[in-house]
Protein backbone atom coordinates (compact mmCIF):
# COMPACT_ATOMS: atom_id res chain seq x y z
CA MET A 1 12.76 7.25 12.19
CA LYS A 2 13.26 4.39 9.75
CA ILE A 3 10.32 3.23 7.63
CA LEU A 4 10.15 0.18 5.40
CA MET A 5 8.05 0.28 2.23
CA ILE A 6 7.26 -3.07 0.60
CA LEU A 7 6.16 -3.22 -3.03
CA THR A 8 4.88 -6.05 -5.19
CA SER A 9 7.02 -7.96 -7.69
CA HIS A 10 4.00 -9.31 -9.62
CA ASP A 11 3.32 -7.87 -13.07
CA GLN A 12 0.55 -9.99 -14.64
CA LEU A 13 -3.14 -9.12 -14.29
CA GLY A 14 -4.46 -12.64 -13.96
CA ASP A 15 -4.60 -14.40 -17.34
CA THR A 16 -5.69 -11.29 -19.25
CA GLY A 17 -2.25 -10.70 -20.79
CA ARG A 18 -2.33 -7.19 -19.32
CA LYS A 19 0.32 -5.74 -17.03
CA THR A 20 -0.13 -4.76 -13.40
CA GLY A 21 2.16 -3.99 -10.47
CA PHE A 22 2.24 -1.25 -7.84
CA TRP A 23 0.18 1.95 -8.16
CA LEU A 24 2.42 5.00 -8.63
CA GLU A 25 0.49 7.46 -6.45
CA GLU A 26 0.30 4.91 -3.64
CA PHE A 27 4.08 4.76 -3.60
CA ALA A 28 5.01 8.35 -4.40
CA ALA A 29 2.72 10.22 -1.99
CA PRO A 30 3.70 8.16 1.10
CA TYR A 31 7.36 8.16 0.08
CA TYR A 32 7.49 11.95 0.20
CA VAL A 33 5.38 12.18 3.36
CA PHE A 34 8.03 10.01 5.02
CA LYS A 35 11.03 11.77 3.49
CA ASP A 36 9.67 15.22 4.31
CA ALA A 37 9.16 14.10 7.91
CA GLY A 38 12.87 13.28 8.09
CA ALA A 39 12.52 9.52 7.90
CA GLN A 40 15.00 7.12 6.41
CA VAL A 41 13.05 5.09 3.86
CA VAL A 42 14.05 1.61 2.71
CA LEU A 43 12.30 0.00 -0.26
CA ALA A 44 11.88 -3.76 -0.56
CA SER A 45 10.06 -6.28 -2.75
CA PRO A 46 9.85 -10.09 -2.92
CA LYS A 47 12.26 -10.37 -5.85
CA GLY A 48 14.31 -7.24 -5.19
CA GLY A 49 15.39 -4.89 -7.95
CA HIS A 50 12.90 -2.75 -9.87
CA PRO A 51 9.29 -3.58 -8.97
CA PRO A 52 6.75 -3.47 -11.81
CA LEU A 53 4.70 -0.32 -12.17
CA ASP A 54 1.04 -0.67 -13.15
CA PRO A 55 0.96 1.23 -16.47
CA ALA A 56 -2.60 2.38 -15.75
CA SER A 57 -1.26 4.42 -12.84
CA ASP A 58 1.21 6.30 -15.02
CA THR A 59 -1.20 7.97 -17.42
CA SER A 60 -1.52 11.74 -17.72
CA GLU A 61 -4.83 11.61 -15.84
CA GLY A 62 -3.18 9.89 -12.90
CA GLN A 63 -0.45 12.44 -12.24
CA THR A 64 -0.31 14.33 -8.93
CA GLU A 65 2.20 16.60 -7.27
CA ALA A 66 3.81 13.54 -5.71
CA THR A 67 4.12 11.54 -8.96
CA ARG A 68 5.53 14.56 -10.82
CA ARG A 69 8.01 15.14 -8.01
CA PHE A 70 9.10 11.49 -8.24
CA LYS A 71 9.64 11.73 -11.99
CA GLY A 72 12.09 14.57 -11.39
CA ASP A 73 13.83 12.90 -8.46
CA GLY A 74 16.83 10.90 -9.66
CA PRO A 75 17.85 9.50 -6.25
CA ALA A 76 14.28 8.31 -5.58
CA GLN A 77 14.14 6.62 -8.97
CA ASP A 78 17.48 4.95 -8.29
CA ALA A 79 16.21 3.69 -4.92
CA LEU A 80 13.10 2.24 -6.57
CA ALA A 81 15.24 0.50 -9.18
CA ARG A 82 17.25 -1.23 -6.45
CA THR A 83 14.71 -2.45 -3.92
CA VAL A 84 16.09 -4.83 -1.31
CA GLN A 85 14.99 -8.45 -1.53
CA LEU A 86 12.31 -9.03 1.09
CA SER A 87 14.02 -12.10 2.50
CA ASP A 88 16.93 -9.88 3.61
CA ILE A 89 14.73 -7.58 5.73
CA LYS A 90 14.38 -7.76 9.52
CA ALA A 91 11.56 -6.00 11.35
CA ALA A 92 13.86 -5.14 14.27
CA GLU A 93 15.71 -2.67 12.03
CA PHE A 94 12.61 -0.53 11.36
CA ASP A 95 10.12 1.62 13.24
CA ALA A 96 7.18 0.95 10.91
CA VAL A 97 6.17 -0.70 7.63
CA PHE A 98 4.00 0.64 4.80
CA TYR A 99 2.56 -1.40 1.92
CA PRO A 100 1.54 0.49 -1.24
CA GLY A 101 -1.16 -1.20 -3.28
CA GLY A 102 -1.90 -1.79 -6.91
CA HIS A 103 -3.35 -5.13 -7.97
CA GLY A 104 0.01 -6.91 -7.84
CA PRO A 105 -0.04 -7.69 -4.08
CA LEU A 106 -3.19 -9.81 -4.54
CA TRP A 107 -1.05 -12.37 -6.37
CA ASP A 108 2.31 -12.32 -4.61
CA LEU A 109 2.53 -10.50 -1.26
CA THR A 110 -0.69 -12.05 0.00
CA ASP A 111 0.94 -15.50 0.09
CA ASP A 112 4.57 -14.47 0.49
CA MET A 113 5.94 -16.16 3.61
CA GLY A 114 8.62 -13.50 4.01
CA SER A 115 5.95 -10.82 4.15
CA ILE A 116 3.72 -12.85 6.47
CA THR A 117 6.64 -13.45 8.85
CA LEU A 118 7.68 -9.81 8.71
CA ILE A 119 4.18 -8.54 9.55
CA THR A 120 4.00 -11.03 12.40
CA ASP A 121 7.31 -9.69 13.71
CA PHE A 122 6.08 -6.09 13.50
CA LEU A 123 3.00 -7.11 15.46
CA MET A 124 5.08 -8.88 18.10
CA GLN A 125 7.30 -5.82 18.40
CA ASP A 126 4.24 -3.54 18.68
CA LYS A 127 5.25 -1.40 15.71
CA PRO A 128 2.89 0.44 13.32
CA ILE A 129 1.76 -1.33 10.15
CA ALA A 130 0.06 0.49 7.27
CA ALA A 131 -1.38 -0.64 3.94
CA VAL A 132 -3.41 1.15 1.29
CA CYS A 133 -5.90 0.18 -1.44
CA HIS A 134 -5.30 -3.52 -2.36
CA ALA A 135 -2.35 -3.87 -0.02
CA PRO A 136 -4.43 -4.84 3.07
CA ALA A 137 -4.59 -8.18 1.25
CA VAL A 138 -1.14 -8.83 2.75
CA PHE A 139 -2.88 -9.44 6.10
CA ARG A 140 -4.89 -12.37 4.69
CA HIS A 141 -2.74 -15.17 6.11
CA VAL A 142 -1.25 -13.36 9.11
CA LYS A 143 -2.42 -14.77 12.43
CA VAL A 144 -2.20 -13.64 16.05
CA ASN A 145 -2.58 -16.42 18.61
CA GLY A 146 -3.95 -18.61 15.84
CA MET A 147 -6.59 -16.10 14.76
CA PRO A 148 -6.63 -13.76 11.73
CA MET A 149 -4.85 -10.52 12.60
CA VAL A 150 -7.76 -8.45 11.24
CA GLN A 151 -10.37 -10.26 13.33
CA GLY A 152 -12.19 -7.68 15.40
CA LYS A 153 -10.17 -4.86 13.83
CA ARG A 154 -11.50 -1.85 11.97
CA VAL A 155 -10.05 -2.14 8.48
CA THR A 156 -10.59 -0.58 5.08
CA GLY A 157 -9.29 -1.36 1.60
CA PHE A 158 -10.39 -1.32 -2.02
CA SER A 159 -14.15 -1.77 -1.99
CA ASN A 160 -16.20 -4.25 -4.01
CA SER A 161 -17.94 -1.39 -5.79
CA GLU A 162 -14.60 0.17 -6.75
CA GLU A 163 -13.43 -3.18 -8.13
CA VAL A 164 -16.65 -3.44 -10.15
CA SER A 165 -16.15 0.12 -11.38
CA ALA A 166 -12.62 -0.79 -12.48
CA LYS A 167 -14.12 -3.83 -14.29
CA LEU A 168 -11.73 -6.19 -12.55
CA ASP A 169 -14.08 -7.94 -10.12
CA ASP A 170 -14.09 -11.09 -12.30
CA ILE A 171 -10.30 -11.03 -12.75
CA VAL A 172 -8.86 -10.58 -9.27
CA PRO A 173 -8.26 -13.79 -7.25
CA PHE A 174 -10.55 -12.48 -4.49
CA LEU A 175 -12.46 -9.35 -3.55
CA LEU A 176 -10.64 -7.60 -0.74
CA GLU A 177 -13.76 -6.26 0.98
CA ASP A 178 -15.30 -9.75 1.09
CA GLU A 179 -12.06 -11.27 2.35
CA ILE A 180 -11.70 -8.80 5.22
CA LYS A 181 -15.26 -9.56 6.31
CA LYS A 182 -14.67 -13.31 5.96
CA LEU A 183 -11.68 -13.03 8.28
CA GLY A 184 -13.75 -11.26 10.92
CA GLY A 185 -12.53 -7.74 10.25
CA HIS A 186 -14.89 -4.79 10.67
CA TYR A 187 -14.71 -3.47 7.12
CA GLU A 188 -15.39 0.26 6.73
CA HIS A 189 -15.44 2.44 3.63
CA GLY A 190 -16.15 5.93 2.44
CA PRO A 191 -17.46 7.10 -0.94
CA ASP A 192 -15.85 5.35 -3.89
CA TRP A 193 -12.62 6.92 -5.14
CA GLN A 194 -12.45 9.43 -2.29
CA PRO A 195 -9.92 9.53 0.58
CA PHE A 196 -10.84 7.28 3.50
CA THR A 197 -8.44 6.05 6.17
CA VAL A 198 -8.99 3.91 9.25
CA VAL A 199 -6.70 3.76 12.29
CA ASP A 200 -7.19 0.94 14.80
CA GLY A 201 -4.40 0.98 17.34
CA LYS A 202 -1.19 0.67 15.35
CA LEU A 203 -2.92 -0.68 12.25
CA ILE A 204 -3.53 1.92 9.52
CA THR A 205 -5.41 1.18 6.30
CA GLY A 206 -6.47 3.35 3.37
CA GLN A 207 -9.30 2.56 0.98
CA ASN A 208 -7.91 3.58 -2.42
CA PRO A 209 -5.18 5.58 -4.19
CA ALA A 210 -6.67 8.85 -2.97
CA SER A 211 -6.12 7.64 0.60
CA SER A 212 -2.34 7.20 0.25
CA PHE A 213 -1.30 10.61 1.53
CA ALA A 214 -3.63 10.46 4.54
CA ALA A 215 -2.58 6.93 5.49
CA ALA A 216 1.10 7.89 5.37
CA THR A 217 0.43 11.03 7.39
CA GLU A 218 -1.37 8.95 10.02
CA LEU A 219 1.65 6.65 10.20
CA VAL A 220 4.05 9.55 10.77
CA ALA A 221 1.74 10.98 13.42
CA LEU A 222 1.55 7.59 15.10
CA LEU A 223 5.31 7.48 15.26
CA GLY A 224 5.23 10.83 16.99
CA GLN A 225 7.47 12.42 14.41
CA ALA A 226 5.04 14.55 12.42
CA GLY A 227 6.63 17.51 10.70
CA GLY A 228 8.45 18.58 7.58
CA ARG A 229 7.07 20.26 4.51
CA GLN A 230 3.29 20.16 4.23
CA MET A 231 2.49 18.82 0.78
CA THR A 232 -0.74 19.96 -0.84
CA LEU A 233 -2.10 17.34 -3.20
CA GLU A 234 -4.39 17.98 -6.12
CA PRO A 235 -8.12 17.15 -5.82
CA SER A 236 -8.50 13.59 -4.60
CA ASP A 237 -10.23 12.31 -7.72
CA ALA A 238 -7.40 13.36 -10.06
CA PRO A 239 -5.25 10.22 -9.65
CA LEU A 240 -8.27 7.98 -9.90
CA GLU A 241 -9.43 8.63 -13.44
CA ALA A 242 -6.80 6.12 -14.53
CA ALA A 243 -8.04 3.60 -11.98
CA ARG A 244 -11.62 3.88 -13.22
CA ALA A 245 -10.43 3.20 -16.74
CA THR A 246 -8.30 0.19 -15.81
């Protein structure tokens, strides 16, 4: 089982002068779900090299078992520091793809032609595609037979109310919930800041950081390779105190 994880290379939160990037929990929890299931994991990003970490996701309030495990895992840190450039990736070499979120993808992966082409290839090859929190934004410009790929699909992602709670609704280039609905997707959500995952065929989406573990677990199950160490995460709201304070 070979799984591709694609992270953002964007580090600016609009024109606020503040930093953004990928959300640590949304990378770390899925990474270890995949590794513990015996998967080979390849990390990629548009620019390659070390993707930017959203500093708000690395506060003491945001730590979980997965993030602490990552901080003590030298090989995992080395792999993150040397992500493959997205343009060098071919869908045929992987069984599935997973996009961690953070606000960064709203600015780069959403419009990245390499990502759009790659997702299209995964769809054509009938392979699972998963994205969590803001990362479902990467589907924005992907089309199937000329129509938005999310049209008629059950999809979740960071909700409008969560964006308002994070006080970033006037800063992001678009609200993900509104965009999914605009594209004809059947947007679903659970309570703010709590785990909520939707599976529609081979499309898996998670609403927020707390949904990362569940979305990754659904992906492994979909691949028919579930197994490995069962990781018990801390209460779901623990990694989200940092998000609320963003």
